[in-house]
Amino acid sequence: MGNFRTLLIWQKAMLLVTQTYNATKLFPKEEIFGLTSQIRRCAVSIPSNIAEGYGRKSNPEFIRFVNIASGSLFELQTQIEIALNVGLLNEVDFKNLYENTRELEIMIVSFRKKLKENL
């Protein structure tokens, strides 16, 4: 399987981290320890958990970490919607982020299914 960097879900998650950081750059300074930090932590958690799970060298462990990454992804979807609702995120950035999270969500579901088939 190579290494975790060859996984499309990891690559897509890394792009999502960059996009998330760029979208939150203009959030007000008073949000740095609030929603800005929370959104960024969720985004970073996704590829980090995929990489950690890969390193466990066990399909059941990998599935567990992919599930954690999936939970972080859902958390991110919720938080960007909150940011939109309170006026921190504009509609265009929200739409781009949300569409990318949905694409990654579909990829993760498919990847997890393949891992389960190989148990």
C-alpha atoms as a PDB file:
ATOM      1  CA  MET A   1       0.000   0.000   0.000  1.00  0.00           C
ATOM      2  CA  GLY A   2       3.013   2.352   0.039  1.00  0.00           C
ATOM      3  CA  ASN A   3       2.772   4.927   2.799  1.00  0.00           C
ATOM      4  CA  PHE A   4      -0.046   7.092   4.099  1.00  0.00           C
ATOM      5  CA  ARG A   5       0.949   9.958   1.786  1.00  0.00           C
ATOM      6  CA  THR A   6      -0.181   7.874  -1.200  1.00  0.00           C
ATOM      7  CA  LEU A   7      -3.725   7.574   0.177  1.00  0.00           C
ATOM      8  CA  LEU A   8      -6.153   9.816  -1.701  1.00  0.00           C
ATOM      9  CA  ILE A   9      -8.171  10.412   1.475  1.00  0.00           C
ATOM     10  CA  TRP A  10      -5.046  11.688   3.240  1.00  0.00           C
ATOM     11  CA  GLN A  11      -4.147  13.938   0.266  1.00  0.00           C
ATOM     12  CA  LYS A  12      -7.685  15.336   0.089  1.00  0.00           C
ATOM     13  CA  ALA A  13      -7.691  15.882   3.863  1.00  0.00           C
ATOM     14  CA  MET A  14      -4.399  17.773   3.634  1.00  0.00           C
ATOM     15  CA  LEU A  15      -5.872  20.065   0.970  1.00  0.00           C
ATOM     16  CA  LEU A  16      -8.861  20.623   3.234  1.00  0.00           C
ATOM     17  CA  VAL A  17      -6.531  21.709   6.065  1.00  0.00           C
ATOM     18  CA  THR A  18      -4.919  24.320   3.820  1.00  0.00           C
ATOM     19  CA  GLN A  19      -8.287  25.530   2.592  1.00  0.00           C
ATOM     20  CA  THR A  20      -9.554  25.725   6.187  1.00  0.00           C
ATOM     21  CA  TYR A  21      -6.574  27.767   7.370  1.00  0.00           C
ATOM     22  CA  ASN A  22      -6.983  30.145   4.439  1.00  0.00           C
ATOM     23  CA  ALA A  23     -10.709  30.569   5.077  1.00  0.00           C
ATOM     24  CA  THR A  24     -10.178  31.325   8.772  1.00  0.00           C
ATOM     25  CA  LYS A  25      -7.298  33.803   8.325  1.00  0.00           C
ATOM     26  CA  LEU A  26      -9.678  36.742   8.343  1.00  0.00           C
ATOM     27  CA  PHE A  27     -11.676  35.659  11.382  1.00  0.00           C
ATOM     28  CA  PRO A  28     -11.556  38.299  14.132  1.00  0.00           C
ATOM     29  CA  LYS A  29      -8.652  38.109  16.579  1.00  0.00           C
ATOM     30  CA  GLU A  30     -11.054  37.561  19.487  1.00  0.00           C
ATOM     31  CA  GLU A  31     -12.005  34.227  17.883  1.00  0.00           C
ATOM     32  CA  ILE A  32      -8.424  32.895  17.830  1.00  0.00           C
ATOM     33  CA  PHE A  33      -9.073  30.814  20.964  1.00  0.00           C
ATOM     34  CA  GLY A  34     -12.682  30.115  20.011  1.00  0.00           C
ATOM     35  CA  LEU A  35     -14.127  29.036  16.717  1.00  0.00           C
ATOM     36  CA  THR A  36     -10.943  29.681  14.709  1.00  0.00           C
ATOM     37  CA  SER A  37      -8.931  27.312  16.872  1.00  0.00           C
ATOM     38  CA  GLN A  38     -11.685  24.705  17.016  1.00  0.00           C
ATOM     39  CA  ILE A  39     -12.209  24.688  13.242  1.00  0.00           C
ATOM     40  CA  ARG A  40      -8.494  24.386  12.585  1.00  0.00           C
ATOM     41  CA  ARG A  41      -8.034  21.605  15.140  1.00  0.00           C
ATOM     42  CA  CYS A  42     -10.820  19.580  13.535  1.00  0.00           C
ATOM     43  CA  ALA A  43      -9.348  20.011  10.083  1.00  0.00           C
ATOM     44  CA  VAL A  44      -5.852  19.022  11.255  1.00  0.00           C
ATOM     45  CA  SER A  45      -7.275  16.003  13.082  1.00  0.00           C
ATOM     46  CA  ILE A  46      -8.592  14.432   9.880  1.00  0.00           C
ATOM     47  CA  PRO A  47      -5.311  13.702   8.021  1.00  0.00           C
ATOM     48  CA  SER A  48      -3.504  13.199  11.336  1.00  0.00           C
ATOM     49  CA  ASN A  49      -5.805  10.349  12.347  1.00  0.00           C
ATOM     50  CA  ILE A  50      -5.625   8.798   8.894  1.00  0.00           C
ATOM     51  CA  ALA A  51      -1.816   8.822   9.140  1.00  0.00           C
ATOM     52  CA  GLU A  52      -1.803   7.481  12.695  1.00  0.00           C
ATOM     53  CA  GLY A  53      -4.206   4.688  11.797  1.00  0.00           C
ATOM     54  CA  TYR A  54      -2.090   3.749   8.826  1.00  0.00           C
ATOM     55  CA  GLY A  55       0.928   3.491  11.097  1.00  0.00           C
ATOM     56  CA  ARG A  56      -0.808   0.978  13.364  1.00  0.00           C
ATOM     57  CA  LYS A  57      -0.360  -1.717  10.684  1.00  0.00           C
ATOM     58  CA  SER A  58      -3.637  -3.385  11.627  1.00  0.00           C
ATOM     59  CA  ASN A  59      -6.914  -3.106   9.740  1.00  0.00           C
ATOM     60  CA  PRO A  60      -9.073  -2.982  12.889  1.00  0.00           C
ATOM     61  CA  GLU A  61      -6.879  -0.201  14.315  1.00  0.00           C
ATOM     62  CA  PHE A  62      -6.826   1.605  10.986  1.00  0.00           C
ATOM     63  CA  ILE A  63     -10.631   1.459  10.814  1.00  0.00           C
ATOM     64  CA  ARG A  64     -10.820   2.887  14.339  1.00  0.00           C
ATOM     65  CA  PHE A  65      -8.655   5.879  13.379  1.00  0.00           C
ATOM     66  CA  VAL A  66     -10.528   6.393  10.095  1.00  0.00           C
ATOM     67  CA  ASN A  67     -13.698   6.525  12.205  1.00  0.00           C
ATOM     68  CA  ILE A  68     -12.098   9.187  14.406  1.00  0.00           C
ATOM     69  CA  ALA A  69     -11.127  11.145  11.269  1.00  0.00           C
ATOM     70  CA  SER A  70     -14.716  10.842  10.083  1.00  0.00           C
ATOM     71  CA  GLY A  71     -15.980  12.218  13.396  1.00  0.00           C
ATOM     72  CA  SER A  72     -13.617  15.181  13.080  1.00  0.00           C
ATOM     73  CA  LEU A  73     -14.909  15.762   9.574  1.00  0.00           C
ATOM     74  CA  PHE A  74     -18.519  15.916  10.815  1.00  0.00           C
ATOM     75  CA  GLU A  75     -17.407  18.245  13.580  1.00  0.00           C
ATOM     76  CA  LEU A  76     -15.758  20.478  10.974  1.00  0.00           C
ATOM     77  CA  GLN A  77     -18.930  20.526   8.876  1.00  0.00           C
ATOM     78  CA  THR A  78     -20.893  21.655  11.921  1.00  0.00           C
ATOM     79  CA  GLN A  79     -18.404  24.331  12.909  1.00  0.00           C
ATOM     80  CA  ILE A  80     -18.126  25.901   9.466  1.00  0.00           C
ATOM     81  CA  GLU A  81     -21.913  26.110   9.391  1.00  0.00           C
ATOM     82  CA  ILE A  82     -21.829  27.857  12.777  1.00  0.00           C
ATOM     83  CA  ALA A  83     -19.172  30.228  11.391  1.00  0.00           C
ATOM     84  CA  LEU A  84     -21.460  30.974   8.437  1.00  0.00           C
ATOM     85  CA  ASN A  85     -24.471  31.524  10.694  1.00  0.00           C
ATOM     86  CA  VAL A  86     -22.653  33.999  12.953  1.00  0.00           C
ATOM     87  CA  GLY A  87     -21.142  35.883  10.027  1.00  0.00           C
ATOM     88  CA  LEU A  88     -17.516  34.786  10.365  1.00  0.00           C
ATOM     89  CA  LEU A  89     -17.468  32.835   7.117  1.00  0.00           C
ATOM     90  CA  ASN A  90     -18.842  34.134   3.841  1.00  0.00           C
ATOM     91  CA  GLU A  91     -21.169  32.078   1.669  1.00  0.00           C
ATOM     92  CA  VAL A  92     -18.543  31.354  -1.017  1.00  0.00           C
ATOM     93  CA  ASP A  93     -15.924  30.070   1.442  1.00  0.00           C
ATOM     94  CA  PHE A  94     -18.571  28.051   3.264  1.00  0.00           C
ATOM     95  CA  LYS A  95     -19.804  26.457   0.048  1.00  0.00           C
ATOM     96  CA  ASN A  96     -16.276  25.551  -1.079  1.00  0.00           C
ATOM     97  CA  LEU A  97     -15.338  24.114   2.309  1.00  0.00           C
ATOM     98  CA  TYR A  98     -18.600  22.239   2.693  1.00  0.00           C
ATOM     99  CA  GLU A  99     -18.444  20.717  -0.795  1.00  0.00           C
ATOM    100  CA  ASN A 100     -14.899  19.536  -0.121  1.00  0.00           C
ATOM    101  CA  THR A 101     -15.896  18.036   3.233  1.00  0.00           C
ATOM    102  CA  ARG A 102     -18.770  16.169   1.558  1.00  0.00           C
ATOM    103  CA  GLU A 103     -16.436  14.821  -1.133  1.00  0.00           C
ATOM    104  CA  LEU A 104     -13.987  13.658   1.546  1.00  0.00           C
ATOM    105  CA  GLU A 105     -16.841  12.140   3.540  1.00  0.00           C
ATOM    106  CA  ILE A 106     -17.831   9.975   0.551  1.00  0.00           C
ATOM    107  CA  MET A 107     -14.210   8.961   0.012  1.00  0.00           C
ATOM    108  CA  ILE A 108     -13.786   7.994   3.676  1.00  0.00           C
ATOM    109  CA  VAL A 109     -16.967   5.893   3.664  1.00  0.00           C
ATOM    110  CA  SER A 110     -15.751   4.017   0.592  1.00  0.00           C
ATOM    111  CA  PHE A 111     -12.254   3.573   2.023  1.00  0.00           C
ATOM    112  CA  ARG A 112     -13.603   2.289   5.358  1.00  0.00           C
ATOM    113  CA  LYS A 113     -15.805  -0.213   3.503  1.00  0.00           C
ATOM    114  CA  LYS A 114     -12.762  -1.558   1.625  1.00  0.00           C
ATOM    115  CA  LEU A 115     -10.818  -1.877   4.869  1.00  0.00           C
ATOM    116  CA  LYS A 116     -13.675  -3.835   6.450  1.00  0.00           C
ATOM    117  CA  GLU A 117     -13.812  -6.162   3.444  1.00  0.00           C
ATOM    118  CA  ASN A 118     -10.140  -7.013   4.061  1.00  0.00           C
ATOM    119  CA  LEU A 119     -10.598  -8.025   7.710  1.00  0.00           C
END
